[in-house]
Amino acid sequence: MTTAVREPTPVLAVAEAAAPAPRRRRRPAPYLFVLPALVLFAAFKLYPIGWSFFLSLYKTVDGVDVFVGADNYTRLLDDPLFWTALENTTVILVVQVPVMLALATGLAVALNSRLLHGRSVFRLGFFMPMVTGLVAYGIIFSVLLNQHYGLVNWLLGFLGTAEVPWLNDPVWAKISLGIALTWHYTGFNAVILLARLQTIPGELYDAAAVDGAGAWKSFRHVTLPGLRPAILLTTVLSTIGTLQIFDEPYVLTGGGPDNATLTIGVYLYQNAFKYFDFGYASAIAYVLAVLIGILGVIQFRVLGDKP
């Protein structure tokens, strides 16, 4: 005699299907691995950022911190040195950054050319300035551009040219700073652009050639659109770096002559560590952060992918 097996009723089947799956036990190992990085980030990033904002609301009077609210921020509006520093930084941003990125683009195209032999050596050579310490290369340029015993004026003397006051004249000091920045950062931006350039399909150039496009039209209609994401990246990075520039003007000229190379970074440093006005320096830092954010948004709007 066989025993019939009862099939589960529809109600029981639905209840079993709707029953929640057993919860998997979370393992603490991933969190333990991430914890050191989070602690370091909080200690050396979040805490200084928050504390600097707290400092920007205070002013030291006779060794005592006095709450002044937004006075440090309104003080910026009537500070001629701040506006001078902002003007100098803007001039460097508007003039030097486009020149540097244009040179980096041309350099990337040249380094990607099949006509160039030993491309790896040239790529390394143009990138090497980036690994040079900021203070070290600033000192080197201060020696090279010295008006009386610098190598540059010594070479110009052979051409019958008078001594150029590279670091002693307001205009030439700005030019000298631009030359130093261009030498140091052009190769770095060229490598970024080169990496993007190598991802552009060669079929696009072949199709352009079939359509009768020359070298300039291929560059304009194939290379530049393909480089757009890298151009956006290098533009944003260069803008942030220029607005924060400190080492080069501080080492080369100390912000002079006559505040011609005084940048926001140098002025911030002077207020913090020369005049010990940490509240005002913190306010300058936060205004600088806001400027960087605004320019970053504008650049993404202008250079970013459009729908």
Protein backbone atom coordinates (compact mmCIF):
# COMPACT_ATOMS: atom_id res chain seq x y z
CA MET A 1 0.00 0.00 0.00
CA THR A 2 1.52 3.33 -1.09
CA THR A 3 1.13 6.61 0.75
CA ALA A 4 0.18 9.64 -1.32
CA VAL A 5 2.35 12.72 -1.00
CA ARG A 6 0.37 15.84 -0.38
CA GLU A 7 1.21 18.82 -2.50
CA PRO A 8 1.63 22.14 -0.62
CA THR A 9 -1.44 24.30 -0.79
CA PRO A 10 -1.17 27.58 -2.74
CA VAL A 11 -1.39 29.55 0.50
CA LEU A 12 1.61 27.77 2.00
CA ALA A 13 3.63 28.16 -1.23
CA VAL A 14 2.97 31.89 -1.31
CA ALA A 15 3.92 32.23 2.36
CA GLU A 16 7.20 30.37 1.85
CA ALA A 17 8.05 32.51 -1.19
CA ALA A 18 7.30 35.71 0.72
CA ALA A 19 9.39 34.71 3.72
CA PRO A 20 12.47 36.99 4.02
CA ALA A 21 15.81 35.46 3.15
CA PRO A 22 18.16 34.97 6.05
CA ARG A 23 20.29 38.07 6.60
CA ARG A 24 23.95 37.71 5.83
CA ARG A 25 26.25 38.51 8.69
CA ARG A 26 28.32 41.61 8.04
CA ARG A 27 32.00 41.07 8.43
CA PRO A 28 34.00 43.85 10.11
CA ALA A 29 37.19 43.22 8.12
CA PRO A 30 36.46 45.73 5.27
CA TYR A 31 35.63 48.46 7.77
CA LEU A 32 38.78 47.74 9.74
CA PHE A 33 40.89 48.10 6.59
CA VAL A 34 39.23 51.41 5.69
CA LEU A 35 39.34 52.78 9.25
CA PRO A 36 43.00 53.98 9.24
CA ALA A 37 42.44 55.98 6.07
CA LEU A 38 39.26 57.51 7.49
CA VAL A 39 41.00 58.43 10.73
CA LEU A 40 43.89 60.08 8.88
CA PHE A 41 41.49 61.91 6.55
CA ALA A 42 39.46 63.19 9.48
CA ALA A 43 42.54 64.22 11.48
CA PHE A 44 44.50 65.92 8.71
CA LYS A 45 41.71 67.12 6.38
CA LEU A 46 38.30 67.48 8.00
CA TYR A 47 39.53 68.80 11.34
CA PRO A 48 41.81 71.54 9.86
CA ILE A 49 39.06 72.60 7.45
CA GLY A 50 36.51 72.90 10.24
CA TRP A 51 38.93 74.57 12.64
CA SER A 52 40.02 77.13 10.02
CA PHE A 53 36.38 78.16 9.53
CA PHE A 54 36.07 78.51 13.29
CA LEU A 55 39.20 80.67 13.32
CA SER A 56 37.85 82.87 10.54
CA LEU A 57 35.14 84.06 12.94
CA TYR A 58 37.66 85.23 15.57
CA LYS A 59 40.34 87.87 15.87
CA THR A 60 43.30 87.90 18.23
CA VAL A 61 43.37 91.06 20.34
CA ASP A 62 46.21 91.35 22.89
CA GLY A 63 46.66 87.59 22.85
CA VAL A 64 42.97 86.87 23.40
CA ASP A 65 40.67 85.42 20.71
CA VAL A 66 37.63 87.66 20.32
CA PHE A 67 34.55 86.60 18.36
CA VAL A 68 34.02 89.04 15.49
CA GLY A 69 31.61 87.09 13.29
CA ALA A 70 31.92 88.03 9.62
CA ASP A 71 34.23 91.01 10.21
CA ASN A 72 37.23 89.18 8.73
CA TYR A 73 35.27 88.62 5.53
CA THR A 74 34.01 92.19 5.25
CA ARG A 75 37.54 93.39 5.93
CA LEU A 76 38.60 91.84 2.63
CA LEU A 77 36.43 94.28 0.72
CA ASP A 78 38.49 97.25 1.95
CA ASP A 79 41.91 95.57 1.86
CA PRO A 80 43.94 96.92 -1.09
CA LEU A 81 46.62 94.24 -0.70
CA PHE A 82 44.03 91.50 -1.06
CA TRP A 83 42.75 93.02 -4.28
CA THR A 84 46.33 93.41 -5.53
CA ALA A 85 46.99 89.75 -4.79
CA LEU A 86 43.73 88.77 -6.50
CA GLU A 87 44.61 90.86 -9.54
CA ASN A 88 48.10 89.34 -9.82
CA THR A 89 46.70 85.83 -9.48
CA THR A 90 44.07 86.55 -12.12
CA VAL A 91 46.70 87.85 -14.55
CA ILE A 92 48.72 84.67 -14.12
CA LEU A 93 45.58 82.57 -14.58
CA VAL A 94 44.38 84.40 -17.70
CA VAL A 95 47.76 84.67 -19.45
CA GLN A 96 49.97 81.81 -18.33
CA VAL A 97 47.46 78.96 -18.14
CA PRO A 98 46.17 79.24 -21.75
CA VAL A 99 49.75 79.58 -23.05
CA MET A 100 50.84 76.54 -21.06
CA LEU A 101 47.89 74.41 -22.19
CA ALA A 102 48.40 75.42 -25.82
CA LEU A 103 52.06 74.38 -25.59
CA ALA A 104 51.05 71.15 -23.83
CA THR A 105 48.58 70.33 -26.61
CA GLY A 106 51.16 70.90 -29.34
CA LEU A 107 53.71 68.92 -27.38
CA ALA A 108 51.29 66.01 -26.93
CA VAL A 109 50.60 65.91 -30.67
CA ALA A 110 54.32 65.97 -31.42
CA LEU A 111 55.08 63.21 -28.91
CA ASN A 112 52.35 61.08 -30.48
CA SER A 113 53.70 61.47 -33.99
CA ARG A 114 55.11 58.39 -35.69
CA LEU A 115 57.75 60.58 -37.32
CA LEU A 116 59.41 61.18 -33.95
CA HIS A 117 62.05 58.60 -33.04
CA GLY A 118 62.83 57.86 -29.41
CA ARG A 119 59.44 59.10 -28.24
CA SER A 120 59.80 57.46 -24.83
CA VAL A 121 62.96 59.44 -24.12
CA PHE A 122 61.31 62.72 -25.09
CA ARG A 123 58.22 61.95 -23.02
CA LEU A 124 60.35 61.25 -19.99
CA GLY A 125 62.43 64.37 -20.58
CA PHE A 126 59.44 66.69 -20.79
CA PHE A 127 57.82 65.11 -17.73
CA MET A 128 60.94 65.28 -15.54
CA PRO A 129 60.43 68.95 -14.46
CA MET A 130 57.22 67.86 -12.72
CA VAL A 131 59.11 65.63 -10.28
CA THR A 132 61.45 68.47 -9.34
CA GLY A 133 60.73 69.97 -5.93
CA LEU A 134 58.96 73.32 -6.02
CA VAL A 135 61.45 75.05 -3.77
CA ALA A 136 64.41 73.47 -5.57
CA TYR A 137 63.39 74.59 -9.03
CA GLY A 138 62.41 78.01 -7.66
CA ILE A 139 65.94 78.48 -6.32
CA ILE A 140 67.39 77.31 -9.64
CA PHE A 141 65.34 79.85 -11.57
CA SER A 142 66.22 82.60 -9.11
CA VAL A 143 69.90 81.92 -9.88
CA LEU A 144 69.40 81.60 -13.63
CA LEU A 145 67.41 84.85 -13.82
CA ASN A 146 69.60 86.90 -11.52
CA GLN A 147 70.20 90.27 -13.12
CA HIS A 148 73.92 90.50 -12.40
CA TYR A 149 75.33 86.96 -12.41
CA GLY A 150 72.53 84.84 -13.85
CA LEU A 151 73.20 82.49 -16.74
CA VAL A 152 70.37 83.92 -18.87
CA ASN A 153 71.73 87.48 -18.83
CA TRP A 154 75.23 86.11 -19.37
CA LEU A 155 74.05 84.39 -22.56
CA LEU A 156 72.14 87.50 -23.64
CA GLY A 157 75.36 89.46 -23.24
CA PHE A 158 76.89 87.51 -26.12
CA LEU A 159 74.09 88.82 -28.32
CA GLY A 160 74.80 92.39 -27.31
CA THR A 161 71.62 92.68 -25.25
CA ALA A 162 71.56 94.74 -22.09
CA GLU A 163 70.89 93.11 -18.76
CA VAL A 164 67.23 92.25 -18.18
CA PRO A 165 65.93 92.91 -14.64
CA TRP A 166 64.08 89.61 -14.54
CA LEU A 167 63.27 89.62 -10.84
CA ASN A 168 63.71 93.33 -10.03
CA ASP A 169 61.17 94.90 -12.36
CA PRO A 170 57.40 94.46 -11.78
CA VAL A 171 56.63 93.50 -15.40
CA TRP A 172 59.65 91.25 -15.87
CA ALA A 173 58.99 89.60 -12.52
CA LYS A 174 55.56 88.51 -13.74
CA ILE A 175 57.12 87.25 -16.98
CA SER A 176 59.78 85.35 -15.03
CA LEU A 177 57.12 83.72 -12.87
CA GLY A 178 55.16 82.70 -15.97
CA ILE A 179 58.29 81.19 -17.55
CA ALA A 180 59.01 79.16 -14.42
CA LEU A 181 55.45 77.88 -14.16
CA THR A 182 55.31 76.98 -17.85
CA TRP A 183 58.60 75.06 -17.63
CA HIS A 184 57.45 73.10 -14.61
CA TYR A 185 53.87 72.15 -15.54
CA THR A 186 53.74 71.96 -19.36
CA GLY A 187 55.16 68.43 -19.51
CA PHE A 188 52.72 67.17 -16.88
CA ASN A 189 49.72 68.47 -18.83
CA ALA A 190 51.20 67.16 -22.07
CA VAL A 191 51.35 63.63 -20.64
CA ILE A 192 47.67 63.81 -19.64
CA LEU A 193 46.71 65.06 -23.10
CA LEU A 194 48.93 62.43 -24.73
CA ALA A 195 47.20 59.63 -22.81
CA ARG A 196 43.84 60.83 -24.12
CA LEU A 197 45.22 61.38 -27.61
CA GLN A 198 46.28 57.74 -27.85
CA THR A 199 42.67 56.63 -27.29
CA ILE A 200 41.36 58.42 -30.40
CA PRO A 201 40.67 55.75 -33.07
CA GLY A 202 42.92 55.97 -36.10
CA GLU A 203 39.91 55.27 -38.33
CA LEU A 204 38.69 58.80 -37.66
CA TYR A 205 41.86 60.26 -39.18
CA ASP A 206 41.58 57.87 -42.12
CA ALA A 207 37.99 58.96 -42.72
CA ALA A 208 39.02 62.62 -42.51
CA ALA A 209 41.79 62.02 -45.04
CA VAL A 210 39.33 60.33 -47.41
CA ASP A 211 37.10 63.39 -47.14
CA GLY A 212 40.03 65.55 -48.18
CA ALA A 213 40.86 67.02 -44.78
CA GLY A 214 44.39 68.27 -44.33
CA ALA A 215 46.51 68.25 -41.17
CA TRP A 216 44.90 71.39 -39.75
CA LYS A 217 41.31 70.27 -40.40
CA SER A 218 42.05 66.83 -38.93
CA PHE A 219 43.47 68.50 -35.86
CA ARG A 220 40.48 70.83 -35.56
CA HIS A 221 37.69 68.35 -36.23
CA VAL A 222 39.18 65.09 -34.90
CA THR A 223 41.99 65.78 -32.43
CA LEU A 224 40.49 68.69 -30.48
CA PRO A 225 37.04 67.08 -29.99
CA GLY A 226 38.75 63.88 -28.90
CA LEU A 227 40.92 65.79 -26.43
CA ARG A 228 37.99 67.65 -24.92
CA PRO A 229 37.74 65.60 -21.68
CA ALA A 230 41.51 65.86 -21.12
CA ILE A 231 41.48 69.58 -21.89
CA LEU A 232 38.74 70.03 -19.31
CA LEU A 233 40.74 68.07 -16.73
CA THR A 234 43.99 69.97 -17.34
CA THR A 235 42.16 73.31 -17.36
CA VAL A 236 40.51 72.63 -14.01
CA LEU A 237 43.73 71.31 -12.45
CA SER A 238 45.75 74.26 -13.78
CA THR A 239 43.15 76.73 -12.52
CA ILE A 240 43.17 75.24 -9.04
CA GLY A 241 46.96 75.13 -8.97
CA THR A 242 47.31 78.72 -10.19
CA LEU A 243 44.84 80.12 -7.67
CA GLN A 244 46.74 78.32 -4.90
CA ILE A 245 50.20 79.25 -6.18
CA PHE A 246 52.62 80.01 -3.39
CA ASP A 247 56.03 78.34 -3.68
CA GLU A 248 57.22 79.92 -6.91
CA PRO A 249 56.49 83.60 -6.14
CA TYR A 250 57.62 83.19 -2.54
CA VAL A 251 60.98 81.66 -3.53
CA LEU A 252 61.61 83.77 -6.63
CA THR A 253 60.57 87.25 -5.49
CA GLY A 254 58.88 86.97 -2.09
CA GLY A 255 55.85 88.65 -3.63
CA GLY A 256 57.78 91.65 -4.93
CA PRO A 257 58.98 93.86 -6.35
CA ASP A 258 56.40 96.35 -5.18
CA ASN A 259 53.86 93.50 -4.67
CA ALA A 260 53.98 92.73 -8.40
CA THR A 261 54.01 88.97 -7.77
CA LEU A 262 51.99 88.98 -4.55
CA THR A 263 49.49 86.15 -4.98
CA ILE A 264 46.61 85.11 -2.76
CA GLY A 265 48.67 82.19 -1.46
CA VAL A 266 51.60 84.43 -0.52
CA TYR A 267 49.30 87.01 1.10
CA LEU A 268 47.57 84.27 3.08
CA TYR A 269 50.95 83.01 4.29
CA GLN A 270 52.06 86.49 5.30
CA ASN A 271 48.95 87.09 7.38
CA ALA A 272 49.18 83.71 9.08
CA PHE A 273 52.89 83.31 9.76
CA LYS A 274 54.28 86.83 9.54
CA TYR A 275 51.56 88.84 11.23
CA PHE A 276 50.02 85.85 13.10
CA ASP A 277 46.52 86.96 12.11
CA PHE A 278 45.18 83.45 11.72
CA GLY A 279 41.54 84.54 11.67
CA TYR A 280 42.06 86.84 8.68
CA ALA A 281 44.22 84.24 6.93
CA SER A 282 41.48 81.65 7.41
CA ALA A 283 38.92 84.03 5.90
CA ILE A 284 41.19 84.50 2.87
CA ALA A 285 41.48 80.72 2.54
CA TYR A 286 37.71 80.27 2.52
CA VAL A 287 37.19 83.05 -0.02
CA LEU A 288 39.81 81.37 -2.19
CA ALA A 289 37.99 78.04 -1.86
CA VAL A 290 34.74 79.70 -2.99
CA LEU A 291 36.49 81.27 -6.00
CA ILE A 292 37.94 77.90 -6.99
CA GLY A 293 34.51 76.28 -6.71
CA ILE A 294 32.85 78.97 -8.84
CA LEU A 295 35.49 78.80 -11.57
CA GLY A 296 35.34 75.00 -11.53
CA VAL A 297 31.58 75.04 -12.10
CA ILE A 298 31.94 77.58 -14.93
CA GLN A 299 34.64 75.51 -16.63
CA PHE A 300 32.56 72.34 -16.42
CA ARG A 301 29.61 74.24 -17.91
CA VAL A 302 31.66 75.66 -20.78
CA LEU A 303 34.00 72.77 -21.56
CA GLY A 304 31.93 69.83 -20.32
CA ASP A 305 29.86 67.56 -22.51
CA LYS A 306 26.74 69.30 -23.72
CA PRO A 307 23.47 67.37 -24.04
